[in-house]
Amino acid sequence: MNILIIGSNFGFKVYYRAINSLIQKKKIVICSPNIHKKKKLKKVKMFKCYKEAFQEYNSFDLIICATSPDIQKEVIFFLYKYKKLPKRLLLEKPISNNIDETIQILKKIDNKKTKIFSNFIFSKIKNFKKLKTLIKNKKINKIHYKWNFKQAYFINKQKTWKTNPKLGGGLVYYYLIHVISNIRFLWKLGKNFSKIKFIKKNNLIYSLYMENTFNKTKIIIEINCNANKNLHQIICCNNNLSYKLVNKSSDWTKNFFLYKDKKKISEKSKEKRLDLTKLNLYEGINRYTNSLKNNIISNNQIISYLSKKIYK
C-alpha cells in the first residue's frame, strides 16, 4: 500500500506508529511544513507539502489527514479538483472550518470509489461495546451523558482554532461531535433538542446542557470544560434497572468501569489510544461498510442543526 500522512505531529505520534505495526507491505509518505524538524525515518519519504508528494506519486491507496480543519479542507478540495481521491480517506474531526462547509465536502466526495472514515475511538472500547449489548432490545427511558474536564485551551483563552467555532473549534464542534457519535453508537438520537443552554463566564463558554427526546427516550447531555474533577459518565436507565459507564481519570479512553444497579459488572477498560486507532484503521481498510461514511454524514448533520441553534 502507498500511504500518505499529512501532518507530522499527531500524524507521526499516532497514525505512523499504528500503520507501521498494522501493515506489513507499505510505502509511507509524511508531509508537513515542519518536517525538517523531525527525525528522518528509514523507508519513509518526507515532503514539506502534500502537493510535492503528488509530483512524485501519482496516487495513494490511503490518505490520512492529521491537520487543522483549514488545511484538511484545502487537502480535500485539492484531491477532488485534480481527481486524486484515494481508495481510502481518513478524515480528522472537525473536517473543515465550519459545519456547513463540512456537509458540502462530505456530499462532494460521497462516491463509491472512495471509502471515508474517521478516528472515533470510544466505540472500540470493550466496556462501551458491552454496554451497547446490555441495553440492546431493552426499553430505555433515559440516557444521561456527562463529560466533565478542565481544558486549558478554553480556560486560558488560547488563540487557537480549537477554541474558535468559526474555525471549526469550540465546545460544540470539538467535543460535542464525539458525544453525538457515542450516543448514536449506543442508542438512537433525534435532531430536535427541546432545551439548549450555555453557561458562560467572561464571554467564554464553559459548559453546555441539552435535552432531546426521541422514541420516548429522554437524552440529557452535559459537557463542562472547566470542571474541578474529571468525569466521563453515561447512565442508561428505566423504571427497573440502571446501567452506568464511568471514568473518573484524566485519560478519557481507558479506565471505564461498567455498573448495573450500582454493582460493578466489569473490570476497568485498559485499552490504549494507539491500539484503538489501530482497530479503526483496520476496520476502515479491511472491513469497511457504507455505514461508516453514513455515520460521519449523520453525525455532522446533527451538529449542523445544533450549531445553528446554539451560535445564532
Protein backbone atom coordinates (compact mmCIF):
# COMPACT_ATOMS: atom_id res chain seq x y z
CA MET A 1 0.00 0.00 0.00
CA ASN A 2 1.09 3.55 -0.78
CA ILE A 3 0.13 5.65 2.26
CA LEU A 4 0.22 9.45 2.60
CA ILE A 5 0.09 11.01 6.09
CA ILE A 6 -0.49 14.77 6.09
CA GLY A 7 0.66 16.22 9.41
CA SER A 8 3.77 15.23 11.33
CA ASN A 9 2.65 15.81 14.93
CA PHE A 10 -0.38 13.62 15.69
CA GLY A 11 0.18 12.08 12.27
CA PHE A 12 3.57 10.75 13.33
CA LYS A 13 2.92 10.04 17.02
CA VAL A 14 -0.28 8.07 16.42
CA TYR A 15 -1.02 7.28 12.76
CA TYR A 16 2.51 6.45 11.63
CA ARG A 17 3.07 4.17 14.62
CA ALA A 18 -0.30 2.50 14.11
CA ILE A 19 0.20 1.95 10.37
CA ASN A 20 3.80 0.79 10.83
CA SER A 21 2.75 -2.09 13.10
CA LEU A 22 -0.53 -2.85 11.31
CA ILE A 23 0.52 -3.19 7.65
CA GLN A 24 3.49 -5.25 6.53
CA LYS A 25 3.90 -4.24 2.89
CA LYS A 26 3.63 -0.46 2.60
CA LYS A 27 5.34 2.69 1.41
CA ILE A 28 4.75 5.64 3.76
CA VAL A 29 5.00 9.32 2.84
CA ILE A 30 4.70 12.04 5.54
CA CYS A 31 4.10 15.70 4.71
CA SER A 32 4.41 18.75 6.95
CA PRO A 33 5.87 22.30 6.78
CA ASN A 34 7.90 21.37 9.89
CA ILE A 35 9.15 18.08 8.50
CA HIS A 36 12.75 19.31 8.63
CA LYS A 37 12.49 19.36 12.45
CA LYS A 38 11.52 15.70 12.59
CA LYS A 39 13.83 12.74 12.86
CA LYS A 40 14.38 11.09 9.49
CA LEU A 41 12.90 7.60 9.27
CA LYS A 42 14.12 4.67 7.22
CA LYS A 43 11.94 3.78 4.24
CA VAL A 44 9.78 6.88 4.79
CA LYS A 45 9.65 9.69 2.22
CA MET A 46 9.24 13.18 3.67
CA PHE A 47 7.96 16.34 1.97
CA LYS A 48 7.20 19.87 3.17
CA CYS A 49 3.88 19.92 1.29
CA TYR A 50 1.43 17.25 0.14
CA LYS A 51 1.43 18.81 -3.35
CA GLU A 52 5.13 17.96 -3.64
CA ALA A 53 4.30 14.35 -2.79
CA PHE A 54 1.88 14.16 -5.73
CA GLN A 55 4.60 15.33 -8.09
CA GLU A 56 6.45 12.10 -7.30
CA TYR A 57 3.50 9.78 -6.57
CA ASN A 58 0.52 9.82 -8.89
CA SER A 59 -1.86 8.21 -6.41
CA PHE A 60 -2.17 6.70 -2.91
CA ASP A 61 -4.17 3.77 -1.56
CA LEU A 62 -4.74 5.52 1.77
CA ILE A 63 -4.51 9.20 2.71
CA ILE A 64 -4.62 10.18 6.39
CA CYS A 65 -5.31 13.82 7.28
CA ALA A 66 -3.97 14.76 10.71
CA THR A 67 -4.13 18.53 10.35
CA SER A 68 -6.18 21.56 11.39
CA PRO A 69 -9.60 22.00 9.73
CA ASP A 70 -8.48 24.72 7.30
CA ILE A 71 -5.61 22.59 5.97
CA GLN A 72 -7.78 19.47 5.80
CA LYS A 73 -10.40 21.39 3.80
CA GLU A 74 -7.66 22.58 1.43
CA VAL A 75 -6.40 19.00 1.02
CA ILE A 76 -9.86 17.63 0.22
CA PHE A 77 -10.54 20.33 -2.39
CA PHE A 78 -7.16 19.60 -3.98
CA LEU A 79 -7.86 15.85 -4.12
CA TYR A 80 -11.31 16.42 -5.59
CA LYS A 81 -10.26 19.06 -8.13
CA TYR A 82 -7.32 17.08 -9.53
CA LYS A 83 -9.04 13.69 -9.26
CA LYS A 84 -6.53 12.43 -6.70
CA LEU A 85 -9.06 10.95 -4.27
CA PRO A 86 -7.64 7.69 -2.87
CA LYS A 87 -9.35 4.35 -2.32
CA ARG A 88 -9.45 5.14 1.41
CA LEU A 89 -9.52 8.54 3.10
CA LEU A 90 -9.26 9.07 6.87
CA LEU A 91 -10.52 12.48 7.98
CA GLU A 92 -9.97 14.11 11.35
CA LYS A 93 -12.66 15.92 13.37
CA PRO A 94 -13.75 18.58 12.65
CA ILE A 95 -13.49 18.13 8.90
CA SER A 96 -13.40 21.80 7.89
CA ASN A 97 -13.65 25.39 9.22
CA ASN A 98 -17.43 25.36 9.64
CA ILE A 99 -20.21 22.84 9.71
CA ASP A 100 -21.99 23.93 6.50
CA GLU A 101 -18.73 23.58 4.60
CA THR A 102 -18.26 20.14 6.14
CA ILE A 103 -21.64 18.93 4.86
CA GLN A 104 -20.80 20.23 1.36
CA ILE A 105 -17.43 18.48 1.41
CA LEU A 106 -18.91 15.17 2.53
CA LYS A 107 -21.52 15.30 -0.22
CA LYS A 108 -18.88 16.22 -2.80
CA ILE A 109 -16.67 13.22 -2.01
CA ASP A 110 -19.57 10.84 -1.36
CA ASN A 111 -18.76 8.33 -4.09
CA LYS A 112 -18.48 4.57 -4.22
CA LYS A 113 -14.78 4.63 -5.11
CA THR A 114 -13.55 6.46 -2.01
CA LYS A 115 -14.05 4.87 1.40
CA ILE A 116 -14.28 7.62 4.02
CA PHE A 117 -13.79 7.01 7.72
CA SER A 118 -12.79 8.92 10.85
CA ASN A 119 -10.93 8.06 14.04
CA PHE A 120 -13.77 7.91 16.62
CA ILE A 121 -12.21 5.58 19.17
CA PHE A 122 -14.72 5.34 22.05
CA SER A 123 -16.92 2.82 20.22
CA LYS A 124 -13.93 0.45 20.10
CA ILE A 125 -13.61 0.31 23.91
CA LYS A 126 -14.70 -3.07 25.29
CA ASN A 127 -16.93 -1.64 28.02
CA PHE A 128 -18.64 0.65 25.50
CA LYS A 129 -19.38 -2.39 23.35
CA LYS A 130 -20.59 -4.32 26.39
CA LEU A 131 -22.97 -1.53 27.39
CA LYS A 132 -24.39 -1.48 23.86
CA THR A 133 -25.04 -5.24 24.08
CA LEU A 134 -26.68 -4.92 27.52
CA ILE A 135 -29.17 -2.22 26.51
CA LYS A 136 -29.97 -3.71 23.11
CA ASN A 137 -33.70 -4.53 22.79
CA LYS A 138 -34.36 -3.05 26.26
CA LYS A 139 -36.76 -0.19 26.86
CA ILE A 140 -34.59 2.71 27.99
CA ASN A 141 -36.43 5.76 29.32
CA LYS A 142 -33.42 7.98 29.95
CA ILE A 143 -29.82 8.40 28.84
CA HIS A 144 -27.70 10.89 30.78
CA TYR A 145 -24.29 11.68 29.26
CA LYS A 146 -21.97 13.80 31.43
CA TRP A 147 -18.43 14.79 30.43
CA ASN A 148 -16.50 16.99 32.89
CA PHE A 149 -12.87 18.03 32.49
CA LYS A 150 -10.62 21.09 32.59
CA GLN A 151 -9.33 22.21 29.21
CA ALA A 152 -6.54 24.79 29.18
CA TYR A 153 -7.37 25.87 25.62
CA PHE A 154 -10.63 27.37 26.85
CA ILE A 155 -9.71 28.41 30.39
CA ASN A 156 -6.56 30.29 29.34
CA LYS A 157 -8.28 31.76 26.28
CA GLN A 158 -5.56 30.50 23.99
CA LYS A 159 -5.71 31.81 20.45
CA THR A 160 -6.13 28.55 18.59
CA TRP A 161 -8.69 27.16 16.15
CA LYS A 162 -9.64 24.65 18.87
CA THR A 163 -11.48 27.39 20.81
CA ASN A 164 -12.92 29.26 17.82
CA PRO A 165 -16.27 28.00 16.42
CA LYS A 166 -15.70 29.94 13.18
CA LEU A 167 -12.55 27.88 12.56
CA GLY A 168 -14.11 24.51 13.39
CA GLY A 169 -13.34 24.55 17.12
CA GLY A 170 -15.31 25.32 20.25
CA LEU A 171 -17.25 23.16 22.65
CA VAL A 172 -19.78 22.05 20.01
CA TYR A 173 -17.56 21.14 17.06
CA TYR A 174 -14.54 19.94 19.02
CA TYR A 175 -16.24 17.91 21.80
CA LEU A 176 -19.99 17.57 21.24
CA ILE A 177 -19.50 15.68 17.97
CA HIS A 178 -17.77 12.90 19.96
CA VAL A 179 -20.73 12.71 22.36
CA ILE A 180 -23.20 12.62 19.45
CA SER A 181 -21.19 9.81 17.84
CA ASN A 182 -21.05 7.84 21.11
CA ILE A 183 -24.79 8.14 21.77
CA ARG A 184 -25.61 7.13 18.21
CA PHE A 185 -23.34 4.11 18.66
CA LEU A 186 -25.22 3.09 21.83
CA TRP A 187 -28.72 4.28 21.02
CA LYS A 188 -30.89 6.31 18.67
CA LEU A 189 -30.81 10.09 18.63
CA GLY A 190 -33.18 12.65 17.12
CA LYS A 191 -32.28 16.08 15.79
CA ASN A 192 -34.83 18.08 17.78
CA PHE A 193 -33.45 19.26 21.12
CA SER A 194 -36.02 20.83 23.42
CA LYS A 195 -33.54 22.59 25.71
CA ILE A 196 -30.14 24.01 24.87
CA LYS A 197 -28.30 26.15 27.40
CA PHE A 198 -24.79 27.55 27.65
CA ILE A 199 -23.21 28.65 30.91
CA LYS A 200 -20.77 31.46 30.15
CA LYS A 201 -18.03 33.20 32.10
CA ASN A 202 -16.14 36.21 30.74
CA ASN A 203 -17.68 35.58 27.31
CA LEU A 204 -16.12 32.13 27.31
CA ILE A 205 -18.32 29.05 27.01
CA TYR A 206 -17.57 26.67 29.87
CA SER A 207 -20.49 24.27 29.82
CA LEU A 208 -23.37 23.07 27.70
CA TYR A 209 -26.67 21.47 28.74
CA MET A 210 -29.04 19.83 26.23
CA GLU A 211 -32.16 17.68 26.24
CA ASN A 212 -33.50 15.52 23.44
CA THR A 213 -36.49 13.17 23.43
CA PHE A 214 -36.55 10.53 20.71
CA ASN A 215 -38.84 7.49 20.59
CA LYS A 216 -39.92 8.28 24.17
CA THR A 217 -36.32 8.15 25.42
CA LYS A 218 -35.10 11.29 27.18
CA ILE A 219 -31.46 12.08 26.40
CA ILE A 220 -29.57 14.63 28.50
CA ILE A 221 -26.09 15.83 27.51
CA GLU A 222 -23.85 17.88 29.80
CA ILE A 223 -20.34 18.99 28.84
CA ASN A 224 -18.21 21.11 31.17
CA CYS A 225 -14.67 22.09 30.15
CA ASN A 226 -13.95 23.95 33.40
CA ALA A 227 -14.78 21.26 35.95
CA ASN A 228 -12.80 20.67 39.14
CA LYS A 229 -12.94 16.88 38.73
CA ASN A 230 -12.73 14.64 35.68
CA LEU A 231 -15.85 12.62 34.92
CA HIS A 232 -16.85 10.80 31.75
CA GLN A 233 -20.14 9.07 32.54
CA ILE A 234 -23.10 7.57 30.69
CA ILE A 235 -26.20 6.37 32.55
CA CYS A 236 -28.89 4.36 30.73
CA CYS A 237 -31.95 3.54 32.82
CA ASN A 238 -35.65 2.74 33.06
CA ASN A 239 -38.01 2.11 35.98
CA ASN A 240 -36.47 -1.28 36.74
CA LEU A 241 -32.74 -1.07 36.08
CA SER A 242 -29.80 1.25 35.57
CA TYR A 243 -26.50 0.81 33.71
CA LYS A 244 -23.62 3.19 34.29
CA LEU A 245 -20.39 3.51 32.34
CA VAL A 246 -17.99 5.77 34.22
CA ASN A 247 -14.41 7.00 34.01
CA LYS A 248 -13.03 9.47 36.59
CA SER A 249 -9.42 9.58 35.41
CA SER A 250 -7.68 12.15 33.22
CA ASP A 251 -7.39 9.62 30.41
CA TRP A 252 -10.68 9.85 28.51
CA THR A 253 -10.35 6.47 26.81
CA LYS A 254 -9.27 3.89 29.36
CA ASN A 255 -10.27 3.29 32.99
CA PHE A 256 -14.01 2.92 32.23
CA PHE A 257 -15.96 0.79 34.73
CA LEU A 258 -19.40 -0.66 34.00
CA TYR A 259 -22.11 -0.93 36.66
CA LYS A 260 -25.58 -2.46 36.81
CA ASP A 261 -27.79 -1.05 39.59
CA LYS A 262 -24.70 0.24 41.47
CA LYS A 263 -23.00 -3.16 41.24
CA LYS A 264 -19.74 -3.33 39.29
CA ILE A 265 -20.10 -5.87 36.46
CA SER A 266 -16.79 -5.37 34.65
CA GLU A 267 -13.18 -4.53 35.36
CA LYS A 268 -11.82 -1.24 34.10
CA SER A 269 -11.00 -0.95 30.43
CA LYS A 270 -7.27 -0.82 29.75
CA GLU A 271 -7.16 -0.09 26.03
CA LYS A 272 -4.56 2.38 24.82
CA ARG A 273 -5.40 5.14 22.34
CA LEU A 274 -2.86 3.79 19.88
CA ASP A 275 -4.46 0.31 19.95
CA LEU A 276 -7.93 1.80 19.48
CA THR A 277 -6.65 3.76 16.49
CA LYS A 278 -5.25 0.53 15.05
CA LEU A 279 -8.71 -1.04 15.31
CA ASN A 280 -10.23 1.93 13.49
CA LEU A 281 -7.62 1.77 10.76
CA TYR A 282 -8.06 -1.98 10.37
CA GLU A 283 -11.82 -1.56 10.05
CA GLY A 284 -11.51 1.31 7.61
CA ILE A 285 -9.03 -0.56 5.43
CA ASN A 286 -10.32 -4.14 5.59
CA ARG A 287 -13.86 -4.21 6.93
CA TYR A 288 -15.30 -1.06 5.50
CA THR A 289 -19.08 -0.77 5.14
CA ASN A 290 -21.15 2.16 3.87
CA SER A 291 -22.39 2.73 7.43
CA LEU A 292 -19.02 4.29 8.32
CA LYS A 293 -19.50 7.01 5.73
CA ASN A 294 -23.19 7.38 6.58
CA ASN A 295 -22.33 7.79 10.28
CA ILE A 296 -19.87 10.59 9.54
CA ILE A 297 -22.50 12.42 7.48
CA SER A 298 -25.30 11.83 10.03
CA ASN A 299 -23.16 12.98 12.97
CA ASN A 300 -22.27 16.18 11.14
CA GLN A 301 -25.88 16.81 10.11
CA ILE A 302 -26.94 16.73 13.78
CA ILE A 303 -24.04 19.00 14.76
CA SER A 304 -25.03 21.34 11.91
CA TYR A 305 -28.57 21.55 13.30
CA LEU A 306 -27.28 22.18 16.83
CA SER A 307 -24.66 24.75 15.84
CA LYS A 308 -27.27 26.89 14.08
CA LYS A 309 -29.43 26.88 17.24
CA ILE A 310 -26.53 27.46 19.62
CA TYR A 311 -24.44 30.00 17.70
CA LYS A 312 -27.35 32.00 16.26
